Amino acid sequence: MSEELNRIVKRIEDEARRLSAGDLDQDGAADAATEVARLAGEAAAIVDGFARAAKQVPAAPGQSRLPMDSGSGR
């Protein structure tokens, strides 16, 4: 995992602890939830980048390959 992804995961965990502690008022809880969603989006973008950079895995014996979307926007 990348250092940036590790940092994001730690921040998500920190916000989740704040939320589960039950000490936040409504606005604080909403802010924490919004931050978790924002961080999750950042993490998803990083993971997506890893997936796009990965080599394609050959189909298992007896399995056909699914066509890959080339992003042509058809």
C-alpha atoms as a PDB file:
ATOM      1  CA  MET A   1       0.000   0.000   0.000  1.00  0.00           C
ATOM      2  CA  SER A   2       1.217   3.502  -0.709  1.00  0.00           C
ATOM      3  CA  GLU A   3       2.220   5.883   2.035  1.00  0.00           C
ATOM      4  CA  GLU A   4      -0.560   8.281   0.961  1.00  0.00           C
ATOM      5  CA  LEU A   5      -3.165   5.503   1.146  1.00  0.00           C
ATOM      6  CA  ASN A   6      -1.909   4.533   4.611  1.00  0.00           C
ATOM      7  CA  ARG A   7      -2.268   8.161   5.714  1.00  0.00           C
ATOM      8  CA  ILE A   8      -5.836   8.318   4.406  1.00  0.00           C
ATOM      9  CA  VAL A   9      -6.778   5.035   6.096  1.00  0.00           C
ATOM     10  CA  LYS A  10      -5.446   6.339   9.422  1.00  0.00           C
ATOM     11  CA  ARG A  11      -7.469   9.544   9.070  1.00  0.00           C
ATOM     12  CA  ILE A  12     -10.619   7.537   8.248  1.00  0.00           C
ATOM     13  CA  GLU A  13     -10.026   5.381  11.320  1.00  0.00           C
ATOM     14  CA  ASP A  14      -9.537   8.501  13.471  1.00  0.00           C
ATOM     15  CA  GLU A  15     -12.782  10.044  12.213  1.00  0.00           C
ATOM     16  CA  ALA A  16     -14.621   6.745  12.714  1.00  0.00           C
ATOM     17  CA  ARG A  17     -13.426   6.631  16.342  1.00  0.00           C
ATOM     18  CA  ARG A  18     -14.669  10.198  16.863  1.00  0.00           C
ATOM     19  CA  LEU A  19     -18.055   9.246  15.413  1.00  0.00           C
ATOM     20  CA  SER A  20     -18.409   6.053  17.424  1.00  0.00           C
ATOM     21  CA  ALA A  21     -17.431   7.761  20.688  1.00  0.00           C
ATOM     22  CA  GLY A  22     -20.754   9.600  20.594  1.00  0.00           C
ATOM     23  CA  ASP A  23     -19.248  12.853  21.915  1.00  0.00           C
ATOM     24  CA  LEU A  24     -19.979  14.952  18.827  1.00  0.00           C
ATOM     25  CA  ASP A  25     -22.977  17.211  18.421  1.00  0.00           C
ATOM     26  CA  GLN A  26     -25.043  16.959  15.227  1.00  0.00           C
ATOM     27  CA  ASP A  27     -22.898  19.433  13.303  1.00  0.00           C
ATOM     28  CA  GLY A  28     -19.671  17.771  14.452  1.00  0.00           C
ATOM     29  CA  ALA A  29     -20.982  14.347  13.466  1.00  0.00           C
ATOM     30  CA  ALA A  30     -22.071  15.655  10.068  1.00  0.00           C
ATOM     31  CA  ASP A  31     -18.655  17.235   9.532  1.00  0.00           C
ATOM     32  CA  ALA A  32     -16.897  14.003  10.525  1.00  0.00           C
ATOM     33  CA  ALA A  33     -19.120  11.943   8.210  1.00  0.00           C
ATOM     34  CA  THR A  34     -18.459  14.374   5.356  1.00  0.00           C
ATOM     35  CA  GLU A  35     -14.717  14.108   5.980  1.00  0.00           C
ATOM     36  CA  VAL A  36     -14.909  10.294   5.959  1.00  0.00           C
ATOM     37  CA  ALA A  37     -16.751  10.404   2.627  1.00  0.00           C
ATOM     38  CA  ARG A  38     -14.170  12.804   1.166  1.00  0.00           C
ATOM     39  CA  LEU A  39     -11.287  10.651   2.378  1.00  0.00           C
ATOM     40  CA  ALA A  40     -12.963   7.517   1.014  1.00  0.00           C
ATOM     41  CA  GLY A  41     -13.131   9.207  -2.378  1.00  0.00           C
ATOM     42  CA  GLU A  42      -9.413   9.970  -2.226  1.00  0.00           C
ATOM     43  CA  ALA A  43      -8.666   6.368  -1.248  1.00  0.00           C
ATOM     44  CA  ALA A  44     -10.850   5.058  -4.070  1.00  0.00           C
ATOM     45  CA  ALA A  45      -8.970   7.195  -6.586  1.00  0.00           C
ATOM     46  CA  ILE A  46      -5.636   5.819  -5.370  1.00  0.00           C
ATOM     47  CA  VAL A  47      -6.869   2.212  -5.485  1.00  0.00           C
ATOM     48  CA  ASP A  48      -8.329   2.832  -8.954  1.00  0.00           C
ATOM     49  CA  GLY A  49      -4.931   4.061 -10.082  1.00  0.00           C
ATOM     50  CA  PHE A  50      -3.323   0.874  -8.762  1.00  0.00           C
ATOM     51  CA  ALA A  51      -5.915  -1.247 -10.569  1.00  0.00           C
ATOM     52  CA  ARG A  52      -5.436   0.602 -13.856  1.00  0.00           C
ATOM     53  CA  ALA A  53      -1.659   0.222 -13.626  1.00  0.00           C
ATOM     54  CA  ALA A  54      -1.829  -3.518 -12.882  1.00  0.00           C
ATOM     55  CA  LYS A  55      -1.185  -6.012 -15.611  1.00  0.00           C
ATOM     56  CA  GLN A  56      -4.169  -7.940 -16.870  1.00  0.00           C
ATOM     57  CA  VAL A  57      -4.487 -11.366 -15.309  1.00  0.00           C
ATOM     58  CA  PRO A  58      -4.868 -14.170 -17.859  1.00  0.00           C
ATOM     59  CA  ALA A  59      -8.166 -16.029 -17.830  1.00  0.00           C
ATOM     60  CA  ALA A  60      -8.218 -19.236 -15.805  1.00  0.00           C
ATOM     61  CA  PRO A  61      -8.143 -22.473 -17.824  1.00  0.00           C
ATOM     62  CA  GLY A  62     -11.572 -23.115 -19.335  1.00  0.00           C
ATOM     63  CA  GLN A  63     -12.704 -19.514 -18.782  1.00  0.00           C
ATOM     64  CA  SER A  64     -13.097 -16.908 -21.488  1.00  0.00           C
ATOM     65  CA  ARG A  65     -11.967 -13.322 -21.010  1.00  0.00           C
ATOM     66  CA  LEU A  66     -14.450 -10.515 -20.577  1.00  0.00           C
ATOM     67  CA  PRO A  67     -14.058  -7.678 -23.058  1.00  0.00           C
ATOM     68  CA  MET A  68     -12.298  -4.660 -21.576  1.00  0.00           C
ATOM     69  CA  ASP A  69     -13.934  -1.245 -21.923  1.00  0.00           C
ATOM     70  CA  SER A  70     -11.388   0.973 -23.632  1.00  0.00           C
ATOM     71  CA  GLY A  71     -13.143   4.086 -22.358  1.00  0.00           C
ATOM     72  CA  SER A  72     -14.378   5.014 -25.820  1.00  0.00           C
ATOM     73  CA  GLY A  73     -17.670   6.212 -24.329  1.00  0.00           C
ATOM     74  CA  ARG A  74     -19.865   4.234 -26.708  1.00  0.00           C
END
